[in-house]
N, C-alpha and C. Protein backbone atom coordinates (compact mmCIF):
# COMPACT_ATOMS: atom_id res chain seq x y z
N UNK A 1 -170.47 75.97 35.93
CA UNK A 1 -170.20 75.61 37.28
C UNK A 1 -170.61 74.17 37.57
N UNK A 2 -170.49 73.80 38.79
CA UNK A 2 -170.85 72.46 39.24
C UNK A 2 -172.36 72.35 39.33
N UNK A 3 -172.91 71.27 38.77
CA UNK A 3 -174.35 71.01 38.83
C UNK A 3 -174.59 69.82 39.74
N UNK A 4 -175.55 69.94 40.63
CA UNK A 4 -175.92 68.84 41.52
C UNK A 4 -177.39 68.50 41.29
N UNK A 5 -177.63 67.24 40.98
CA UNK A 5 -179.00 66.74 40.83
C UNK A 5 -179.21 65.77 41.99
N UNK A 6 -179.80 66.27 43.07
CA UNK A 6 -179.97 65.49 44.29
C UNK A 6 -181.35 64.83 44.32
N UNK A 7 -181.38 63.57 44.77
CA UNK A 7 -182.63 62.84 44.87
C UNK A 7 -182.71 62.14 46.21
N UNK A 8 -183.87 62.21 46.83
CA UNK A 8 -184.18 61.43 48.03
C UNK A 8 -185.41 60.61 47.68
N UNK A 9 -185.31 59.31 47.89
CA UNK A 9 -186.39 58.41 47.53
C UNK A 9 -186.65 57.49 48.73
N UNK A 10 -187.87 57.42 49.15
CA UNK A 10 -188.24 56.52 50.24
C UNK A 10 -189.46 55.73 49.79
N UNK A 11 -189.25 54.47 49.51
CA UNK A 11 -190.32 53.62 49.00
C UNK A 11 -190.71 52.60 50.06
N UNK A 12 -192.01 52.42 50.26
CA UNK A 12 -192.54 51.42 51.17
C UNK A 12 -193.36 50.45 50.34
N UNK A 13 -193.01 49.16 50.45
CA UNK A 13 -193.71 48.12 49.70
C UNK A 13 -194.34 47.17 50.70
N UNK A 14 -195.63 46.99 50.57
CA UNK A 14 -196.35 46.05 51.44
C UNK A 14 -196.71 44.83 50.60
N UNK A 15 -196.35 43.66 51.11
CA UNK A 15 -196.56 42.42 50.37
C UNK A 15 -197.43 41.49 51.22
N UNK A 16 -198.49 40.98 50.60
CA UNK A 16 -199.34 40.02 51.28
C UNK A 16 -199.60 38.88 50.29
N UNK A 17 -199.38 37.66 50.75
CA UNK A 17 -199.54 36.51 49.89
C UNK A 17 -200.49 35.53 50.58
N UNK A 18 -201.67 35.36 50.01
CA UNK A 18 -202.63 34.36 50.50
C UNK A 18 -202.52 33.15 49.58
N UNK A 19 -201.98 32.08 50.12
CA UNK A 19 -201.76 30.90 49.31
C UNK A 19 -202.19 29.67 50.11
N UNK A 20 -203.04 28.88 49.54
CA UNK A 20 -203.55 27.70 50.26
C UNK A 20 -202.50 26.60 50.38
N UNK A 21 -201.51 26.60 49.49
CA UNK A 21 -200.50 25.56 49.51
C UNK A 21 -199.30 25.91 50.39
N UNK A 22 -199.08 27.16 50.67
CA UNK A 22 -197.95 27.60 51.48
C UNK A 22 -198.45 28.47 52.61
N UNK A 23 -197.59 28.76 53.54
CA UNK A 23 -197.94 29.63 54.65
C UNK A 23 -198.19 31.05 54.12
N UNK A 24 -199.25 31.68 54.63
CA UNK A 24 -199.54 33.06 54.25
C UNK A 24 -198.40 33.96 54.73
N UNK A 25 -198.06 34.94 53.92
CA UNK A 25 -196.99 35.86 54.31
C UNK A 25 -197.48 37.30 54.21
N UNK A 26 -197.02 38.09 55.11
CA UNK A 26 -197.24 39.53 55.08
C UNK A 26 -195.96 40.19 55.53
N UNK A 27 -195.50 41.15 54.78
CA UNK A 27 -194.35 41.92 55.23
C UNK A 27 -194.33 43.29 54.56
N UNK A 28 -193.59 44.16 55.15
CA UNK A 28 -193.41 45.50 54.60
C UNK A 28 -191.91 45.69 54.38
N UNK A 29 -191.57 46.29 53.25
CA UNK A 29 -190.18 46.56 52.92
C UNK A 29 -189.99 48.07 52.81
N UNK A 30 -188.90 48.56 53.36
CA UNK A 30 -188.59 49.99 53.33
C UNK A 30 -187.30 50.17 52.54
N UNK A 31 -187.35 51.02 51.54
CA UNK A 31 -186.19 51.25 50.68
C UNK A 31 -185.85 52.75 50.65
N UNK A 32 -185.12 53.26 51.61
CA UNK A 32 -184.67 54.65 51.51
C UNK A 32 -183.43 54.73 50.61
N UNK A 33 -183.31 55.84 49.92
CA UNK A 33 -182.16 56.01 49.04
C UNK A 33 -181.91 57.50 48.82
N UNK A 34 -180.65 57.89 48.88
CA UNK A 34 -180.24 59.26 48.62
C UNK A 34 -179.13 59.22 47.58
N UNK A 35 -179.25 60.07 46.57
CA UNK A 35 -178.21 60.12 45.53
C UNK A 35 -178.00 61.55 45.08
N UNK A 36 -176.82 61.78 44.54
CA UNK A 36 -176.49 63.08 43.99
C UNK A 36 -175.67 62.88 42.73
N UNK A 37 -176.16 63.36 41.61
CA UNK A 37 -175.40 63.30 40.35
C UNK A 37 -174.68 64.65 40.24
N UNK A 38 -173.37 64.59 40.42
CA UNK A 38 -172.55 65.80 40.43
C UNK A 38 -171.81 65.87 39.09
N UNK A 39 -172.03 66.95 38.36
CA UNK A 39 -171.39 67.12 37.06
C UNK A 39 -170.74 68.49 36.97
N UNK A 40 -169.79 68.59 36.08
CA UNK A 40 -169.11 69.86 35.82
C UNK A 40 -168.96 70.01 34.30
N UNK A 41 -170.03 70.46 33.61
CA UNK A 41 -169.98 70.54 32.15
C UNK A 41 -169.03 71.65 31.67
N UNK A 42 -168.23 71.30 30.69
CA UNK A 42 -167.30 72.23 30.06
C UNK A 42 -167.70 72.38 28.60
N UNK A 43 -167.84 73.61 28.12
CA UNK A 43 -168.35 73.88 26.78
C UNK A 43 -167.27 74.54 25.91
N UNK A 44 -167.32 74.20 24.62
CA UNK A 44 -166.48 74.89 23.65
C UNK A 44 -167.31 75.04 22.38
N UNK A 45 -167.32 76.24 21.82
CA UNK A 45 -168.10 76.52 20.63
C UNK A 45 -167.21 77.20 19.60
N UNK A 46 -167.31 76.74 18.36
CA UNK A 46 -166.66 77.40 17.23
C UNK A 46 -167.73 77.62 16.17
N UNK A 47 -167.32 78.14 15.04
CA UNK A 47 -168.32 78.37 13.98
C UNK A 47 -168.84 77.07 13.38
N UNK A 48 -168.07 75.96 13.52
CA UNK A 48 -168.49 74.69 12.93
C UNK A 48 -169.09 73.70 13.91
N UNK A 49 -168.78 73.81 15.20
CA UNK A 49 -169.27 72.79 16.13
C UNK A 49 -169.44 73.34 17.54
N UNK A 50 -170.28 72.62 18.30
CA UNK A 50 -170.43 72.81 19.74
C UNK A 50 -169.94 71.53 20.40
N UNK A 51 -169.24 71.68 21.49
CA UNK A 51 -168.67 70.51 22.16
C UNK A 51 -168.86 70.66 23.67
N UNK A 52 -169.26 69.55 24.31
CA UNK A 52 -169.43 69.54 25.76
C UNK A 52 -168.74 68.30 26.31
N UNK A 53 -167.93 68.47 27.33
CA UNK A 53 -167.35 67.34 28.05
C UNK A 53 -167.79 67.48 29.50
N UNK A 54 -168.34 66.41 30.05
CA UNK A 54 -168.95 66.48 31.37
C UNK A 54 -168.46 65.34 32.26
N UNK A 55 -167.58 65.63 33.21
CA UNK A 55 -167.26 64.61 34.21
C UNK A 55 -168.48 64.36 35.10
N UNK A 56 -168.72 63.09 35.45
CA UNK A 56 -169.88 62.71 36.26
C UNK A 56 -169.37 61.93 37.48
N UNK A 57 -169.84 62.33 38.65
CA UNK A 57 -169.54 61.63 39.89
C UNK A 57 -170.88 61.48 40.61
N UNK A 58 -171.27 60.24 40.93
CA UNK A 58 -172.61 60.01 41.46
C UNK A 58 -172.58 59.06 42.66
N UNK A 59 -172.49 59.62 43.89
CA UNK A 59 -172.61 58.76 45.06
C UNK A 59 -174.08 58.41 45.33
N UNK A 60 -174.32 57.16 45.73
CA UNK A 60 -175.66 56.69 46.07
C UNK A 60 -175.59 56.04 47.44
N UNK A 61 -176.39 56.54 48.37
CA UNK A 61 -176.46 55.96 49.71
C UNK A 61 -177.76 55.19 49.83
N UNK A 62 -177.63 53.89 50.06
CA UNK A 62 -178.81 53.03 50.24
C UNK A 62 -178.41 51.93 51.21
N UNK A 63 -179.32 51.55 52.10
CA UNK A 63 -178.98 50.47 53.04
C UNK A 63 -178.95 49.12 52.33
N UNK A 64 -178.28 48.17 52.94
CA UNK A 64 -178.29 46.81 52.43
C UNK A 64 -179.66 46.21 52.71
N UNK A 65 -180.14 45.37 51.80
CA UNK A 65 -181.40 44.67 52.04
C UNK A 65 -181.25 43.21 51.62
N UNK A 66 -182.13 42.37 52.12
CA UNK A 66 -182.06 40.94 51.84
C UNK A 66 -183.01 40.51 50.73
N UNK A 67 -183.61 41.45 50.04
CA UNK A 67 -184.64 41.12 49.05
C UNK A 67 -184.17 41.26 47.61
N UNK A 68 -183.06 41.95 47.39
CA UNK A 68 -182.63 42.25 46.04
C UNK A 68 -181.28 41.59 45.77
N UNK A 69 -181.23 40.80 44.71
CA UNK A 69 -179.97 40.20 44.29
C UNK A 69 -179.08 41.28 43.69
N UNK A 70 -177.84 40.91 43.42
CA UNK A 70 -176.90 41.84 42.78
C UNK A 70 -177.48 42.29 41.43
N UNK A 71 -177.47 43.56 41.17
CA UNK A 71 -177.97 44.12 39.92
C UNK A 71 -176.77 44.41 39.02
N UNK A 72 -176.79 43.86 37.83
CA UNK A 72 -175.68 44.03 36.91
C UNK A 72 -175.66 45.45 36.34
N UNK A 73 -174.47 45.98 36.21
CA UNK A 73 -174.27 47.29 35.58
C UNK A 73 -174.23 47.06 34.07
N UNK A 74 -174.89 47.94 33.32
CA UNK A 74 -174.87 47.88 31.86
C UNK A 74 -174.62 49.28 31.32
N UNK A 75 -174.44 49.37 30.01
CA UNK A 75 -174.25 50.69 29.40
C UNK A 75 -175.47 51.58 29.61
N UNK A 76 -176.66 50.98 29.64
CA UNK A 76 -177.88 51.79 29.75
C UNK A 76 -178.22 52.21 31.17
N UNK A 77 -177.67 51.53 32.19
CA UNK A 77 -178.02 51.91 33.57
C UNK A 77 -176.82 52.39 34.38
N UNK A 78 -175.73 52.72 33.72
CA UNK A 78 -174.49 53.10 34.41
C UNK A 78 -174.71 54.24 35.40
N UNK A 79 -175.45 55.25 35.03
CA UNK A 79 -175.67 56.40 35.91
C UNK A 79 -177.08 56.41 36.51
N UNK A 80 -177.66 55.23 36.72
CA UNK A 80 -178.96 55.13 37.37
C UNK A 80 -178.78 55.10 38.88
N UNK A 81 -179.69 55.73 39.59
CA UNK A 81 -179.61 55.69 41.05
C UNK A 81 -180.13 54.36 41.59
N UNK A 82 -181.01 53.69 40.84
CA UNK A 82 -181.53 52.38 41.25
C UNK A 82 -181.64 51.51 40.01
N UNK A 83 -180.84 50.46 39.93
CA UNK A 83 -180.82 49.60 38.75
C UNK A 83 -181.87 48.48 38.82
N UNK A 84 -182.50 48.28 39.96
CA UNK A 84 -183.52 47.23 40.08
C UNK A 84 -184.74 47.62 39.25
N UNK A 85 -185.28 46.66 38.52
CA UNK A 85 -186.39 46.98 37.62
C UNK A 85 -187.76 46.66 38.21
N UNK A 86 -187.79 45.93 39.30
CA UNK A 86 -189.05 45.56 39.93
C UNK A 86 -189.46 46.60 40.97
N UNK A 87 -190.77 46.84 41.10
CA UNK A 87 -191.25 47.76 42.13
C UNK A 87 -191.03 47.21 43.53
N UNK A 88 -190.90 45.88 43.64
CA UNK A 88 -190.73 45.26 44.95
C UNK A 88 -189.27 45.16 45.37
N UNK A 89 -188.35 45.69 44.57
CA UNK A 89 -186.92 45.62 44.87
C UNK A 89 -186.29 46.99 44.77
N UNK A 90 -185.13 47.11 45.39
CA UNK A 90 -184.33 48.31 45.29
C UNK A 90 -182.87 47.90 45.39
N UNK A 91 -182.03 48.48 44.58
CA UNK A 91 -180.61 48.10 44.61
C UNK A 91 -180.05 48.34 46.00
N UNK A 92 -179.30 47.38 46.48
CA UNK A 92 -178.86 47.34 47.86
C UNK A 92 -177.45 47.87 48.02
N UNK A 93 -177.22 48.63 49.07
CA UNK A 93 -175.88 49.05 49.46
C UNK A 93 -175.39 50.34 48.82
N UNK A 94 -174.43 50.98 49.48
CA UNK A 94 -173.88 52.22 48.94
C UNK A 94 -172.96 51.95 47.75
N UNK A 95 -172.90 52.90 46.83
CA UNK A 95 -172.08 52.77 45.63
C UNK A 95 -171.74 54.13 45.05
N UNK A 96 -170.78 54.14 44.17
CA UNK A 96 -170.39 55.36 43.47
C UNK A 96 -170.31 55.03 41.98
N UNK A 97 -170.99 55.83 41.18
CA UNK A 97 -170.91 55.72 39.72
C UNK A 97 -170.10 56.92 39.25
N UNK A 98 -169.19 56.71 38.32
CA UNK A 98 -168.36 57.82 37.85
C UNK A 98 -167.99 57.60 36.40
N UNK A 99 -167.76 58.70 35.70
CA UNK A 99 -167.40 58.58 34.29
C UNK A 99 -167.35 59.93 33.62
N UNK A 100 -167.52 59.89 32.31
CA UNK A 100 -167.35 61.08 31.48
C UNK A 100 -168.33 61.01 30.32
N UNK A 101 -169.03 62.10 30.04
CA UNK A 101 -169.88 62.24 28.85
C UNK A 101 -169.23 63.27 27.93
N UNK A 102 -169.16 62.94 26.65
CA UNK A 102 -168.65 63.89 25.67
C UNK A 102 -169.67 63.99 24.55
N UNK A 103 -170.05 65.22 24.21
CA UNK A 103 -171.02 65.44 23.16
C UNK A 103 -170.44 66.44 22.16
N UNK A 104 -170.50 66.08 20.88
CA UNK A 104 -170.01 66.93 19.80
C UNK A 104 -171.14 67.13 18.79
N UNK A 105 -171.49 68.37 18.56
CA UNK A 105 -172.52 68.69 17.57
C UNK A 105 -171.85 69.48 16.45
N UNK A 106 -171.72 68.83 15.30
CA UNK A 106 -171.20 69.53 14.13
C UNK A 106 -172.39 70.26 13.52
N UNK A 107 -172.28 71.53 13.29
CA UNK A 107 -173.45 72.34 12.95
C UNK A 107 -174.13 71.96 11.65
N UNK A 108 -173.42 71.33 10.72
CA UNK A 108 -174.05 71.00 9.44
C UNK A 108 -174.22 69.51 9.19
N UNK A 109 -173.47 68.65 9.89
CA UNK A 109 -173.43 67.26 9.46
C UNK A 109 -173.85 66.21 10.48
N UNK A 110 -173.34 66.26 11.71
CA UNK A 110 -173.54 65.11 12.58
C UNK A 110 -173.50 65.49 14.05
N UNK A 111 -174.01 64.56 14.88
CA UNK A 111 -173.90 64.63 16.34
C UNK A 111 -173.22 63.36 16.81
N UNK A 112 -172.35 63.49 17.79
CA UNK A 112 -171.64 62.35 18.35
C UNK A 112 -171.68 62.44 19.86
N UNK A 113 -172.09 61.34 20.52
CA UNK A 113 -172.09 61.30 21.98
C UNK A 113 -171.33 60.06 22.41
N UNK A 114 -170.40 60.23 23.34
CA UNK A 114 -169.62 59.12 23.89
C UNK A 114 -169.71 59.19 25.41
N UNK A 115 -170.00 58.05 26.02
CA UNK A 115 -170.06 57.94 27.48
C UNK A 115 -169.13 56.82 27.91
N UNK A 116 -168.32 57.09 28.91
CA UNK A 116 -167.46 56.05 29.48
C UNK A 116 -167.59 56.14 30.99
N UNK A 117 -167.65 54.98 31.65
CA UNK A 117 -167.81 55.03 33.10
C UNK A 117 -167.68 53.67 33.75
N UNK A 118 -167.79 53.71 35.07
CA UNK A 118 -167.61 52.53 35.90
C UNK A 118 -168.42 52.74 37.18
N UNK A 119 -168.69 51.67 37.90
CA UNK A 119 -169.41 51.75 39.16
C UNK A 119 -168.64 50.96 40.21
N UNK A 120 -168.63 51.49 41.42
CA UNK A 120 -167.99 50.81 42.55
C UNK A 120 -169.01 50.66 43.65
N UNK A 121 -169.24 49.42 44.08
CA UNK A 121 -170.21 49.12 45.12
C UNK A 121 -169.46 48.68 46.36
N UNK A 122 -169.89 49.17 47.51
CA UNK A 122 -169.25 48.84 48.78
C UNK A 122 -170.07 47.77 49.48
N UNK A 123 -169.45 46.66 49.80
CA UNK A 123 -170.15 45.52 50.40
C UNK A 123 -170.09 45.60 51.92
N UNK A 124 -171.03 44.92 52.55
CA UNK A 124 -171.10 44.99 54.01
C UNK A 124 -170.15 44.03 54.70
N UNK A 125 -169.63 43.04 54.01
CA UNK A 125 -168.67 42.12 54.62
C UNK A 125 -167.29 42.75 54.65
N UNK A 126 -166.60 42.63 55.77
CA UNK A 126 -165.28 43.24 55.91
C UNK A 126 -164.24 42.62 54.99
N UNK A 127 -164.37 41.35 54.68
CA UNK A 127 -163.38 40.70 53.82
C UNK A 127 -163.63 40.97 52.34
N UNK A 128 -164.76 41.51 51.98
CA UNK A 128 -165.10 41.81 50.59
C UNK A 128 -165.57 43.26 50.55
N UNK A 129 -164.63 44.20 50.54
CA UNK A 129 -164.96 45.60 50.80
C UNK A 129 -165.56 46.34 49.62
N UNK A 130 -165.30 45.93 48.39
CA UNK A 130 -165.88 46.66 47.26
C UNK A 130 -165.96 45.79 46.02
N UNK A 131 -166.89 46.14 45.16
CA UNK A 131 -167.02 45.50 43.85
C UNK A 131 -166.89 46.60 42.82
N UNK A 132 -165.93 46.46 41.94
CA UNK A 132 -165.76 47.43 40.87
C UNK A 132 -166.25 46.79 39.58
N UNK A 133 -167.08 47.52 38.85
CA UNK A 133 -167.64 46.99 37.61
C UNK A 133 -166.59 47.04 36.50
N UNK A 134 -166.93 46.40 35.40
CA UNK A 134 -166.12 46.56 34.20
C UNK A 134 -166.26 48.00 33.72
N UNK A 135 -165.50 48.36 32.71
CA UNK A 135 -165.55 49.71 32.15
C UNK A 135 -166.54 49.69 30.99
N UNK A 136 -167.47 50.62 30.99
CA UNK A 136 -168.52 50.67 29.98
C UNK A 136 -168.31 51.89 29.08
N UNK A 137 -168.36 51.65 27.79
CA UNK A 137 -168.18 52.70 26.80
C UNK A 137 -169.31 52.58 25.79
N UNK A 138 -170.01 53.67 25.56
CA UNK A 138 -171.06 53.65 24.54
C UNK A 138 -170.91 54.90 23.67
N UNK A 139 -171.24 54.74 22.40
CA UNK A 139 -171.17 55.87 21.47
C UNK A 139 -172.41 55.86 20.60
N UNK A 140 -172.79 57.04 20.17
CA UNK A 140 -173.95 57.20 19.32
C UNK A 140 -173.62 58.30 18.31
N UNK A 141 -173.58 57.94 17.03
CA UNK A 141 -173.29 58.88 15.95
C UNK A 141 -174.54 59.01 15.09
N UNK A 142 -175.03 60.24 14.93
CA UNK A 142 -176.20 60.50 14.09
C UNK A 142 -175.77 61.45 12.97
N UNK A 143 -176.04 61.02 11.73
CA UNK A 143 -175.67 61.82 10.56
C UNK A 143 -176.94 62.17 9.81
N UNK A 144 -177.18 63.43 9.62
CA UNK A 144 -178.33 63.93 8.83
C UNK A 144 -179.67 63.35 9.24
N UNK A 145 -179.87 62.98 10.48
CA UNK A 145 -181.12 62.48 11.02
C UNK A 145 -181.64 61.19 10.39
N UNK A 146 -180.98 60.61 9.40
CA UNK A 146 -181.46 59.36 8.82
C UNK A 146 -180.36 58.29 8.72
N UNK A 147 -179.23 58.55 9.34
CA UNK A 147 -178.15 57.57 9.41
C UNK A 147 -177.61 57.59 10.82
N UNK A 148 -177.39 56.41 11.40
CA UNK A 148 -176.81 56.39 12.73
C UNK A 148 -175.98 55.14 12.93
N UNK A 149 -175.09 55.23 13.90
CA UNK A 149 -174.26 54.12 14.32
C UNK A 149 -174.19 54.16 15.84
N UNK A 150 -174.67 53.09 16.48
CA UNK A 150 -174.58 52.95 17.94
C UNK A 150 -173.59 51.84 18.25
N UNK A 151 -172.79 52.05 19.28
CA UNK A 151 -171.80 51.05 19.65
C UNK A 151 -171.72 50.99 21.17
N UNK A 152 -171.69 49.77 21.72
CA UNK A 152 -171.53 49.56 23.16
C UNK A 152 -170.37 48.61 23.37
N UNK A 153 -169.44 49.01 24.19
CA UNK A 153 -168.24 48.22 24.45
C UNK A 153 -168.11 48.01 25.95
N UNK A 154 -167.75 46.79 26.34
CA UNK A 154 -167.44 46.49 27.73
C UNK A 154 -165.98 46.05 27.78
N UNK A 155 -165.20 46.70 28.63
CA UNK A 155 -163.78 46.40 28.79
C UNK A 155 -163.59 45.77 30.16
N UNK A 156 -162.93 44.62 30.20
CA UNK A 156 -162.69 43.90 31.45
C UNK A 156 -161.88 44.77 32.40
N UNK A 157 -162.36 44.88 33.64
CA UNK A 157 -161.71 45.77 34.61
C UNK A 157 -160.34 45.27 35.05
N UNK A 158 -160.12 43.97 34.99
CA UNK A 158 -158.87 43.41 35.50
C UNK A 158 -157.73 43.44 34.49
N UNK A 159 -157.99 42.96 33.28
CA UNK A 159 -156.89 42.88 32.31
C UNK A 159 -157.05 43.84 31.13
N UNK A 160 -158.06 44.68 31.16
CA UNK A 160 -158.30 45.72 30.15
C UNK A 160 -158.51 45.16 28.74
N UNK A 161 -158.96 43.89 28.66
CA UNK A 161 -159.27 43.29 27.37
C UNK A 161 -160.70 43.63 26.98
N UNK A 162 -160.95 43.63 25.69
CA UNK A 162 -162.30 43.84 25.18
C UNK A 162 -163.14 42.62 25.52
N UNK A 163 -164.22 42.84 26.26
CA UNK A 163 -165.08 41.75 26.71
C UNK A 163 -166.28 41.58 25.78
N UNK A 164 -166.91 42.69 25.42
CA UNK A 164 -168.10 42.68 24.57
C UNK A 164 -168.07 43.91 23.66
N UNK A 165 -168.53 43.72 22.43
CA UNK A 165 -168.65 44.83 21.49
C UNK A 165 -169.93 44.61 20.68
N UNK A 166 -170.91 45.49 20.87
CA UNK A 166 -172.17 45.43 20.13
C UNK A 166 -172.32 46.71 19.33
N UNK A 167 -172.80 46.56 18.10
CA UNK A 167 -173.00 47.75 17.27
C UNK A 167 -174.23 47.55 16.40
N UNK A 168 -174.90 48.66 16.10
CA UNK A 168 -175.95 48.62 15.11
C UNK A 168 -175.90 49.90 14.30
N UNK A 169 -176.35 49.77 13.06
CA UNK A 169 -176.22 50.88 12.13
C UNK A 169 -177.48 50.95 11.25
N UNK A 170 -177.86 52.14 10.87
CA UNK A 170 -178.94 52.34 9.92
C UNK A 170 -178.48 53.37 8.90
N UNK A 171 -178.61 53.01 7.65
CA UNK A 171 -178.35 53.94 6.56
C UNK A 171 -179.63 54.06 5.75
N UNK A 172 -180.11 55.26 5.55
CA UNK A 172 -181.32 55.48 4.76
C UNK A 172 -180.99 56.47 3.65
N UNK A 173 -181.12 56.01 2.42
CA UNK A 173 -180.86 56.84 1.25
C UNK A 173 -182.09 56.78 0.34
N UNK A 174 -182.79 57.87 0.21
CA UNK A 174 -184.02 57.93 -0.57
C UNK A 174 -184.96 56.80 -0.17
N UNK A 175 -185.21 55.83 -1.10
CA UNK A 175 -186.14 54.74 -0.81
C UNK A 175 -185.43 53.48 -0.34
N UNK A 176 -184.14 53.55 -0.13
CA UNK A 176 -183.35 52.39 0.26
C UNK A 176 -182.88 52.55 1.70
N UNK A 177 -183.10 51.51 2.52
CA UNK A 177 -182.63 51.50 3.92
C UNK A 177 -181.83 50.24 4.18
N UNK A 178 -180.76 50.39 4.91
CA UNK A 178 -179.93 49.25 5.28
C UNK A 178 -179.71 49.31 6.78
N UNK A 179 -180.06 48.21 7.45
CA UNK A 179 -179.83 48.12 8.88
C UNK A 179 -178.91 46.95 9.18
N UNK A 180 -177.92 47.16 10.02
CA UNK A 180 -176.96 46.13 10.39
C UNK A 180 -176.89 46.07 11.90
N UNK A 181 -176.92 44.86 12.45
CA UNK A 181 -176.85 44.70 13.90
C UNK A 181 -175.73 43.72 14.21
C-alpha cells in the first residue's frame, strides 16, 4: 500500500554577535517545515531474485527566508526535506521532490539499486514561478560484497544532454584490489 513518512520540524536559532569592530547583532530565526515522503512500493519475487520499484513523491512546505541561499540539488540530497547543511540555515520555500527507486537483489550474485528523480521549487516572485532541477540518476551495483560500481549521472533538464557522469569501482580478488574513480 501507500506509505507516508510525515515530518514536522520547527527550529529556532538564536544568534548573538559581540564584535568590537562591527555593530553588535542579536536575532532569532524561525524555520518551520512540514514534509511528507509518499511512496508506493511494488514487489516481485522469484526463485532467483527479489525486486522492488518505488515511486516517490515528496512535497515540502517551508516558508521563504532571507538567510539561506539557493541550495543545489545533488544525487545524495534529492529526497532530503532540508538540503541546507548549516544549523543556522534552512532551505527556503515550498518544493516537490519526485522520482523512482528500483532495487534488484539477485539471490546468489549481486544487488543493484537505481534512483532517478528531480526537484521542483516554487519561487515567491510572480514572474519566476518555479525552478526545476536537472534530472539525477544514481546507480549502485554490489557483487559478492567485495566488488562494486557506483555511478552518478546528471542530465540537463532543458535539452536532455548528459551534463555530468561520475563513476567509481572497486574490484577485490584475494590479495589484489583495484579501485578506479
